[in-house]
Protein backbone atom coordinates (compact mmCIF):
# COMPACT_ATOMS: atom_id res chain seq x y z
CA MET A 1 6.54 64.63 71.68
CA THR A 2 3.33 65.19 69.75
CA TYR A 3 1.50 68.31 70.90
CA THR A 4 -2.28 68.45 71.04
CA ASP A 5 -4.25 71.62 70.37
CA ARG A 6 -4.71 71.90 74.13
CA ASP A 7 -0.93 71.72 74.65
CA ARG A 8 -0.39 74.44 72.06
CA ALA A 9 -3.02 76.62 73.69
CA VAL A 10 -1.50 76.21 77.14
CA GLN A 11 1.95 77.15 75.91
CA ALA A 12 0.60 80.15 74.02
CA ALA A 13 -1.47 81.30 77.01
CA VAL A 14 1.65 81.33 79.18
CA ALA A 15 3.76 83.01 76.50
CA GLN A 16 1.15 85.74 75.97
CA GLY A 17 0.65 86.35 79.69
CA LEU A 18 -2.94 85.18 79.89
CA VAL A 19 -1.68 83.12 82.82
CA GLY A 20 1.29 84.31 84.86
CA PRO A 21 2.27 85.92 88.14
CA GLU A 22 -0.30 88.73 87.73
CA GLU A 23 -3.15 86.54 86.44
CA PRO A 24 -2.43 83.10 87.88
CA VAL A 25 -5.54 81.27 86.64
CA ALA A 26 -7.65 81.35 83.47
CA GLY A 27 -10.20 79.32 81.56
CA LEU A 28 -9.40 78.23 78.00
CA LEU A 29 -12.13 77.08 75.59
CA ASP A 30 -11.41 75.26 72.34
CA ILE A 31 -13.78 76.94 69.87
CA THR A 32 -13.07 74.47 67.07
CA GLY A 33 -14.10 71.66 69.41
CA VAL A 34 -17.29 73.45 70.45
CA ARG A 35 -18.30 73.91 66.83
CA ARG A 36 -17.58 70.24 66.18
CA SER A 37 -19.80 69.14 69.07
CA ALA A 38 -22.64 71.37 67.87
CA ALA A 39 -22.39 69.89 64.38
CA GLU A 40 -22.38 66.34 65.80
CA LEU A 41 -25.54 67.08 67.80
CA HIS A 42 -27.38 68.43 64.75
CA ALA A 43 -26.26 65.50 62.60
CA ALA A 44 -27.20 62.83 65.15
CA PHE A 45 -30.83 63.93 65.43
CA ALA A 46 -31.17 64.83 61.75
CA GLU A 47 -30.17 61.28 60.84
CA PHE A 48 -33.19 59.79 62.60
CA THR A 49 -35.82 62.54 62.41
CA ALA A 50 -38.40 62.61 59.64
CA PRO A 51 -37.76 65.35 57.06
CA GLY A 52 -39.44 68.61 57.96
CA ALA A 53 -40.05 67.76 61.62
CA PRO A 54 -39.03 70.73 63.81
CA VAL A 55 -36.10 70.13 66.15
CA LEU A 56 -34.73 72.81 68.47
CA HIS A 57 -31.51 72.14 70.35
CA ALA A 58 -31.66 74.64 73.22
CA PHE A 59 -28.35 74.93 75.05
CA ALA A 60 -28.65 74.81 78.86
CA VAL A 61 -27.33 78.27 79.75
CA LYS A 62 -26.40 77.21 83.29
CA ALA A 63 -23.60 75.10 81.78
CA ALA A 64 -21.81 78.21 80.45
CA SER A 65 -23.33 81.53 81.50
CA LEU A 66 -21.07 83.51 79.15
CA VAL A 67 -22.62 85.74 76.49
CA PRO A 68 -19.96 85.14 73.77
CA VAL A 69 -20.38 81.37 74.18
CA LEU A 70 -24.16 81.65 73.84
CA ARG A 71 -23.67 83.83 70.78
CA LEU A 72 -21.31 81.29 69.22
CA LEU A 73 -23.75 78.46 69.84
CA ALA A 74 -26.58 80.52 68.37
CA GLN A 75 -24.49 80.98 65.23
CA GLU A 76 -24.08 77.20 65.19
CA GLY A 77 -27.87 76.78 65.14
CA LEU A 78 -28.67 76.32 68.85
CA GLY A 79 -31.21 78.13 70.99
CA CYS A 80 -31.15 78.59 74.76
CA GLU A 81 -32.79 76.89 77.72
CA VAL A 82 -32.90 79.35 80.61
CA ALA A 83 -33.76 78.77 84.26
CA SER A 84 -33.64 82.24 85.81
CA PRO A 85 -34.15 85.90 84.93
CA GLY A 86 -30.38 86.27 84.75
CA GLU A 87 -30.00 83.44 82.26
CA LEU A 88 -32.78 84.91 80.14
CA ALA A 89 -30.99 88.27 80.17
CA LEU A 90 -27.78 86.56 79.01
CA ALA A 91 -29.59 84.77 76.18
CA ARG A 92 -31.17 88.04 75.04
CA ALA A 93 -27.80 89.81 75.24
CA ALA A 94 -26.42 87.07 72.98
CA GLY A 95 -29.16 87.80 70.44
CA VAL A 96 -31.00 84.51 70.83
CA PRO A 97 -34.54 85.00 69.47
CA ALA A 98 -37.56 84.47 71.72
CA ASP A 99 -38.83 81.64 69.54
CA ARG A 100 -35.57 79.75 70.16
CA THR A 101 -35.65 80.22 73.93
CA VAL A 102 -37.24 77.90 76.50
CA LEU A 103 -37.87 78.94 80.12
CA ASP A 104 -37.52 76.19 82.73
CA SER A 105 -37.30 76.84 86.46
CA PRO A 106 -38.96 75.39 89.55
CA ALA A 107 -39.44 78.87 91.07
CA LYS A 108 -40.62 81.31 88.39
CA THR A 109 -41.92 84.59 89.79
CA PRO A 110 -45.01 86.35 88.40
CA ALA A 111 -42.75 88.99 86.85
CA GLU A 112 -40.60 86.32 85.19
CA LEU A 113 -43.65 84.56 83.75
CA ARG A 114 -45.19 87.85 82.62
CA GLU A 115 -42.01 88.77 80.74
CA ALA A 116 -41.78 85.38 79.04
CA LEU A 117 -45.43 85.46 77.99
CA ALA A 118 -45.08 88.98 76.64
CA LEU A 119 -41.95 88.10 74.65
CA GLY A 120 -43.37 84.86 73.26
CA ILE A 121 -40.81 82.65 74.99
CA ALA A 122 -41.78 79.01 75.47
CA VAL A 123 -42.59 78.23 79.12
CA ASN A 124 -42.60 74.83 80.78
CA ALA A 125 -44.79 75.02 83.89
CA ASP A 126 -43.25 73.07 86.76
CA ASN A 127 -46.24 72.43 89.03
CA ARG A 128 -49.97 72.87 89.63
CA GLU A 129 -49.65 76.25 91.30
CA GLU A 130 -47.54 77.61 88.48
CA LEU A 131 -50.04 76.42 85.91
CA ALA A 132 -52.78 78.23 87.84
CA ARG A 133 -50.60 81.34 87.86
CA ILE A 134 -50.22 81.11 84.09
CA ASP A 135 -54.00 80.72 83.78
CA HIS A 136 -54.40 84.04 85.58
CA LEU A 137 -51.62 85.85 83.69
CA ARG A 138 -52.98 84.80 80.31
CA THR A 139 -56.13 86.78 81.01
CA SER A 140 -54.13 90.02 81.16
CA VAL A 141 -51.04 89.35 79.02
CA PRO A 142 -51.79 88.68 75.35
CA SER A 143 -49.35 86.00 74.34
CA THR A 144 -48.39 83.57 71.64
CA ALA A 145 -45.88 81.86 73.90
CA PRO A 146 -45.99 78.05 73.67
CA ILE A 147 -46.83 76.54 77.05
CA GLY A 148 -45.76 73.11 78.25
CA LEU A 149 -46.03 71.11 81.43
CA ARG A 150 -43.05 69.46 83.09
CA VAL A 151 -43.58 65.94 84.40
CA ASN A 152 -41.35 63.66 86.42
CA PRO A 153 -41.71 60.08 85.14
CA GLN A 154 -40.12 58.83 88.38
CA ILE A 155 -38.01 56.22 86.62
CA GLY A 156 -35.10 56.45 89.11
CA GLY A 157 -31.77 58.16 89.59
CA GLY A 158 -28.19 57.77 88.51
CA ARG A 159 -25.04 57.37 90.56
CA ILE A 160 -25.02 61.04 91.66
CA GLY A 161 -28.07 61.56 93.82
CA ALA A 162 -27.89 65.35 93.90
CA MET A 163 -28.02 65.47 90.09
CA SER A 164 -30.83 62.94 89.61
CA THR A 165 -34.05 64.65 88.55
CA ALA A 166 -36.38 61.69 88.02
CA THR A 167 -36.43 60.07 91.45
CA ASP A 168 -39.66 59.47 93.36
CA THR A 169 -39.16 62.60 95.46
CA SER A 170 -37.47 64.94 92.95
CA LYS A 171 -38.41 68.60 93.35
CA PHE A 172 -38.98 68.96 89.61
CA GLY A 173 -42.24 68.67 87.71
CA ILE A 174 -45.47 66.79 88.33
CA ALA A 175 -44.66 63.41 89.93
CA LEU A 176 -46.40 61.29 87.31
CA ARG A 177 -46.71 58.06 89.33
CA ASP A 178 -48.12 59.69 92.46
CA GLU A 179 -51.73 58.77 93.15
CA GLY A 180 -54.06 60.65 90.85
CA ALA A 181 -51.26 62.65 89.21
CA ARG A 182 -51.50 61.17 85.71
CA ASP A 183 -55.25 61.74 85.56
CA TRP A 184 -54.71 65.31 86.76
CA VAL A 185 -52.15 65.96 84.01
CA VAL A 186 -54.45 64.61 81.31
CA ARG A 187 -57.39 66.67 82.57
CA ALA A 188 -55.22 69.79 82.94
CA CYS A 189 -54.27 69.51 79.28
CA LEU A 190 -57.79 68.77 78.06
CA ASP A 191 -59.09 71.81 79.93
CA ARG A 192 -56.45 74.04 78.29
CA PRO A 193 -56.31 73.71 74.50
CA TRP A 194 -53.32 76.07 74.53
CA LEU A 195 -51.25 73.61 76.60
CA THR A 196 -49.46 71.97 73.69
CA ARG A 197 -46.16 70.70 75.05
CA LEU A 198 -44.82 68.18 77.54
CA HIS A 199 -41.40 68.33 79.14
CA ALA A 200 -39.27 65.85 81.07
CA HIS A 201 -35.61 66.07 81.97
CA VAL A 202 -34.28 62.79 83.33
CA GLY A 203 -30.66 62.92 82.15
CA SER A 204 -27.72 63.95 84.27
CA GLN A 205 -24.09 63.11 84.89
CA GLY A 206 -23.99 59.49 86.06
CA MET A 207 -27.36 58.61 84.50
CA PRO A 208 -27.47 55.41 82.37
CA LEU A 209 -28.68 55.97 78.82
CA GLU A 210 -31.26 53.22 79.22
CA LEU A 211 -32.97 55.11 82.04
CA MET A 212 -32.87 58.30 80.00
CA GLY A 213 -34.59 56.43 77.19
CA ALA A 214 -37.20 55.09 79.61
CA GLY A 215 -37.98 58.64 80.71
CA VAL A 216 -38.48 59.81 77.14
CA ARG A 217 -40.68 56.77 76.51
CA ALA A 218 -42.88 57.71 79.45
CA LEU A 219 -43.20 61.26 78.10
CA PHE A 220 -44.12 60.00 74.64
CA ASP A 221 -46.74 57.60 76.00
CA LEU A 222 -48.30 60.40 78.05
CA ALA A 223 -48.54 62.62 74.96
CA GLU A 224 -50.19 59.80 73.02
CA GLU A 225 -52.73 59.32 75.80
CA ILE A 226 -53.60 63.00 75.96
CA ASN A 227 -53.98 63.27 72.19
CA GLU A 228 -56.19 60.18 72.08
CA ARG A 229 -58.41 61.58 74.83
CA ALA A 230 -58.56 64.96 73.07
CA GLY A 231 -59.46 63.39 69.75
CA ARG A 232 -56.83 65.55 68.07
CA GLN A 233 -53.11 66.23 68.30
CA GLN A 234 -53.18 68.75 71.12
CA ILE A 235 -49.66 67.91 72.31
CA ASP A 236 -47.47 68.74 69.35
CA THR A 237 -44.01 69.15 70.92
CA LEU A 238 -41.95 67.05 73.31
CA ASP A 239 -39.10 68.63 75.26
CA ILE A 240 -36.89 65.68 76.19
CA GLY A 241 -34.31 67.65 78.17
CA GLY A 242 -30.60 66.99 78.07
CA GLY A 243 -28.15 65.61 80.60
CA LEU A 244 -26.06 63.38 78.35
CA PRO A 245 -23.23 62.11 80.61
CA VAL A 246 -19.63 63.10 79.93
CA ASN A 247 -16.58 60.85 80.10
CA PHE A 248 -14.17 62.55 82.51
CA SER A 249 -11.60 59.74 82.48
CA SER A 250 -9.98 60.25 79.05
CA ASP A 251 -10.05 62.39 75.92
CA VAL A 252 -12.56 60.02 74.29
CA THR A 253 -16.08 61.42 73.83
CA THR A 254 -18.51 58.80 75.05
CA PRO A 255 -21.43 58.40 74.88
CA THR A 256 -21.93 60.25 71.62
CA TYR A 257 -25.02 62.10 70.50
CA ARG A 258 -25.52 59.54 67.76
CA GLU A 259 -25.45 56.69 70.26
CA TYR A 260 -28.10 58.45 72.32
CA ALA A 261 -30.28 59.26 69.32
CA ALA A 262 -30.03 55.64 68.13
CA LEU A 263 -31.05 54.42 71.58
CA LEU A 264 -34.06 56.74 71.53
CA ARG A 265 -35.11 55.48 68.11
CA SER A 266 -35.08 51.94 69.51
CA ALA A 267 -36.74 52.75 72.84
CA VAL A 268 -39.34 55.18 71.46
CA PRO A 269 -39.97 54.23 67.81
CA GLY A 270 -42.54 56.98 67.23
CA LEU A 271 -40.42 59.80 68.60
CA PHE A 272 -38.74 60.71 65.31
CA ALA A 273 -41.69 59.93 63.02
CA GLY A 274 -42.51 63.60 62.51
CA ARG A 275 -45.76 63.80 64.49
CA TYR A 276 -44.03 65.70 67.29
CA GLY A 277 -41.63 68.59 67.28
CA LEU A 278 -38.61 67.92 69.47
CA ILE A 279 -36.63 70.09 71.88
CA THR A 280 -33.40 69.09 73.59
CA GLU A 281 -31.56 70.88 76.40
CA PHE A 282 -27.97 69.65 76.31
CA GLY A 283 -25.32 71.62 78.19
CA ARG A 284 -22.33 69.86 79.75
CA SER A 285 -21.92 67.43 76.87
CA LEU A 286 -21.49 70.25 74.35
CA LEU A 287 -18.68 72.04 76.14
CA ALA A 288 -17.00 69.99 78.87
CA LYS A 289 -14.39 68.23 76.72
CA HIS A 290 -13.31 71.51 75.16
CA GLY A 291 -12.40 73.47 78.29
CA THR A 292 -9.25 73.71 80.41
CA VAL A 293 -8.63 75.57 83.65
CA LEU A 294 -4.97 76.59 83.59
CA ALA A 295 -3.36 77.63 86.88
CA ARG A 296 0.09 78.61 88.04
CA VAL A 297 1.80 76.62 90.79
CA GLU A 298 2.59 79.24 93.42
CA TYR A 299 4.41 76.98 95.89
CA ALA A 300 5.65 73.41 96.14
CA LYS A 301 5.80 71.92 99.63
CA SER A 302 5.24 68.64 101.45
CA ALA A 303 3.36 67.35 104.47
CA GLY A 304 3.54 63.89 106.01
CA GLY A 305 5.95 62.92 103.28
CA ARG A 306 3.55 63.78 100.46
CA PRO A 307 4.37 66.57 97.98
CA ILE A 308 1.76 69.33 97.62
CA ALA A 309 1.48 71.73 94.70
CA VAL A 310 -0.33 74.87 95.85
CA THR A 311 -2.05 76.31 92.78
CA HIS A 312 -4.56 79.04 91.99
CA ALA A 313 -7.35 76.67 90.85
CA GLY A 314 -9.40 75.20 93.66
CA ALA A 315 -12.90 75.37 95.02
CA GLN A 316 -13.58 78.76 93.42
CA VAL A 317 -13.52 77.19 89.93
CA ALA A 318 -13.85 73.45 90.66
CA THR A 319 -16.47 73.59 93.39
CA ARG A 320 -18.11 70.22 92.78
CA THR A 321 -14.78 68.43 92.43
CA VAL A 322 -13.47 69.83 95.71
CA PHE A 323 -16.60 69.17 97.76
CA VAL A 324 -17.73 65.90 96.15
CA PRO A 325 -14.54 64.45 94.61
CA GLU A 326 -15.86 60.90 94.34
CA ALA A 327 -18.68 62.07 92.05
CA TRP A 328 -16.76 64.73 90.11
CA PRO A 329 -13.12 63.63 89.68
CA LEU A 330 -11.03 65.62 87.23
CA ARG A 331 -7.97 64.75 85.24
CA VAL A 332 -4.98 66.99 85.87
CA ALA A 333 -2.16 67.62 83.40
CA ALA A 334 1.24 69.02 84.37
CA TYR A 335 3.04 71.76 82.42
CA ASP A 336 6.34 73.46 83.08
CA ALA A 337 7.00 77.16 83.64
CA GLU A 338 6.86 77.85 79.88
CA GLY A 339 3.62 75.92 79.45
CA ARG A 340 5.19 72.85 77.86
CA PRO A 341 3.97 69.38 78.88
CA LYS A 342 6.07 68.38 81.86
CA THR A 343 8.06 65.17 81.70
CA GLY A 344 9.63 63.05 84.40
CA ALA A 345 8.76 60.08 86.56
CA PRO A 346 5.27 60.23 88.11
CA VAL A 347 5.25 61.19 91.79
CA ALA A 348 2.12 60.88 93.92
CA GLN A 349 1.21 64.41 95.04
CA ASP A 350 -1.72 66.58 96.06
CA ILE A 351 -2.95 69.39 93.84
CA ALA A 352 -4.26 72.10 96.16
CA GLY A 353 -6.20 75.26 95.49
CA PRO A 354 -5.90 78.75 96.99
CA CYS A 355 -8.93 78.66 99.29
CA CYS A 356 -8.33 78.90 103.01
CA PHE A 357 -9.70 75.54 104.12
CA ALA A 358 -7.91 72.22 104.35
CA GLY A 359 -10.11 70.34 101.91
CA ASP A 360 -9.43 72.64 98.96
CA LEU A 361 -7.85 69.89 96.87
CA VAL A 362 -8.66 69.14 93.25
CA ALA A 363 -6.65 65.91 93.31
CA GLU A 364 -5.16 63.82 96.09
CA ASN A 365 -2.21 61.45 95.84
CA ARG A 366 -2.25 61.92 92.06
CA PRO A 367 0.77 60.55 90.13
CA LEU A 368 2.20 63.37 87.98
CA PRO A 369 5.66 64.66 87.13
CA LEU A 370 6.78 66.45 90.28
CA LEU A 371 5.44 70.00 90.17
CA GLN A 372 7.58 72.95 91.24
CA SER A 373 6.92 76.64 91.86
CA GLY A 374 6.26 78.42 88.58
CA ASP A 375 4.96 75.29 86.82
CA HIS A 376 1.33 75.00 85.74
CA THR A 377 -1.54 72.60 86.25
CA ALA A 378 -4.39 72.10 83.81
CA LEU A 379 -7.79 70.83 84.96
CA LEU A 380 -9.19 69.00 81.94
CA ASP A 381 -12.77 68.63 80.69
CA THR A 382 -13.80 71.84 82.46
CA GLY A 383 -15.54 73.68 79.61
CA ALA A 384 -18.95 73.43 81.27
CA TYR A 385 -19.78 74.85 84.70
CA TYR A 386 -16.21 75.13 86.00
CA PHE A 387 -14.84 78.48 84.90
CA SER A 388 -18.25 79.97 84.10
CA THR A 389 -19.83 79.29 87.52
CA HIS A 390 -17.51 80.92 90.01
CA PHE A 391 -17.66 80.28 93.78
CA ALA A 392 -16.54 83.51 95.46
CA TYR A 393 -14.92 81.92 98.53
CA ASN A 394 -12.24 84.13 100.15
CA SER A 395 -13.33 86.90 97.74
CA LEU A 396 -11.17 85.34 95.06
CA PRO A 397 -11.81 87.23 91.80
CA ARG A 398 -13.37 85.52 88.81
CA PRO A 399 -10.70 84.42 86.33
CA GLY A 400 -10.45 85.52 82.75
CA VAL A 401 -11.87 83.16 80.13
CA TYR A 402 -10.50 82.96 76.59
CA GLY A 403 -11.59 81.14 73.50
CA TYR A 404 -8.87 79.76 71.26
CA ALA A 405 -8.32 78.28 67.84
CA ALA A 406 -5.13 76.23 67.61
CA SER A 407 -3.23 74.89 64.64
CA PRO A 408 0.35 73.79 63.98
CA ASP A 409 0.95 77.36 62.76
CA GLY A 410 -0.09 79.04 65.99
CA VAL A 411 -2.88 79.83 68.44
CA ARG A 412 -5.34 82.70 68.23
CA PHE A 413 -7.19 83.87 71.35
CA ALA A 414 -10.37 85.89 71.83
CA VAL A 415 -11.63 87.30 75.12
CA ILE A 416 -14.77 85.67 76.49
CA ARG A 417 -14.61 87.34 79.90
CA THR A 418 -11.89 89.60 81.32
CA PRO A 419 -10.44 88.82 84.75
CA GLN A 420 -12.42 90.46 87.53
CA SER A 421 -10.54 93.43 88.96
CA LEU A 422 -10.24 94.01 92.69
CA SER A 423 -12.09 97.30 92.30
CA ASP A 424 -15.00 95.49 90.63
CA LEU A 425 -14.92 92.90 93.39
CA THR A 426 -15.08 95.48 96.16
CA ALA A 427 -17.86 97.37 94.38
CA GLU A 428 -19.83 94.13 94.07
CA SER A 429 -19.33 93.60 97.80
CA GLY A 430 -21.00 96.85 98.81
CA ALA A 431 -18.11 99.32 98.90
CA ALA A 432 -20.46 102.17 97.97
CA TYR A 433 -22.41 101.50 101.18
CA ALA A 434 -19.43 101.20 103.53
CA GLU A 435 -20.92 103.71 105.99
CA SER A 436 -24.53 102.57 105.76
CA LEU A 437 -24.62 100.37 108.87
CA ARG A 438 -23.38 103.17 111.09
CA GLU A 439 -26.67 104.96 110.47
CA LEU A 440 -28.74 102.22 112.10
């Protein structure tokens, strides 16, 4: 049997006790793969962009809210796109400079905006009220922060409605096709010479590339209109968002960054000409294929004639898959008690998680070698969102997360996040205030 780097990492994680009876679930991140994806992103856009044109690839922090990962990506030439005060704090802790940070959020507080303006962080205003708030803050907070305006080109959604950001009624941005909205956007820019950027994020899992290209085309055309009306190039930067879909059905990476960049060159010929700086906000596509959630099988049982493997990876780490399995299916790989790929005839079985509700299943009726107590399951393509965005159902502690570099000579691990201890969990849940309610 030919072992992949993932297979080697799983076996080493079990051998070194990163996953075992005491720590029955962990996230594993292939650092070599992450670096490769970052390099592919840079190369894809560099191939089509005019020499000297500024391009910032700002990683969407929500996809992996882990400081060492943000630091690694910064070393690979990426900035950060943040959508909350917490995400901004993580980016700063990772050493990401203000001029390589972009603040997006539909609900920025005055304090959040004031901090961004003071630090010189780029801000994309989401709506009319926020832009008015920025008007007011700029009178009291000296700032060199670039300011943009987010628009929704309303070009339609993909196959996952909850993830589609460019529908007619999306909560994000200025709805560009609503009556009077386009004229308002143009006038808002002309009245504010410091408003120099436009932003649209139409990509998401399940979104066709052609619709993503149409959204970027709408953004480009709007910038051209504003600049023509201004008689100068007021809009100098286009933030085209991210949301490149990920293939969750095999190890093949598709679509690629180059395929997307080539589509954009065709759909929006002027985009890469050098007249506009570009910002991207990719997240899932950079990390998903390089992550694995590894969990121990605690029990093997059956119900109604179907085998069930009860594992320690369920809704707390695979929330979307458990609650919306038709939109977020995951591949599952079977490993034995020593972490070796398990062999044997496929048997249809359920892969259950540890949460105390009946629907906590990451896979139903899935053909795999029959799993037994002490074996392991691996949830594949889980490098983004899954182990970094924990759902604290049943007060299950957050798992440890480890980066790895694998080769035929061995596997080296580095800690990304230690497993949450029960004492940390109880402290987080108000243990210091155990007596407080008795005083009321």
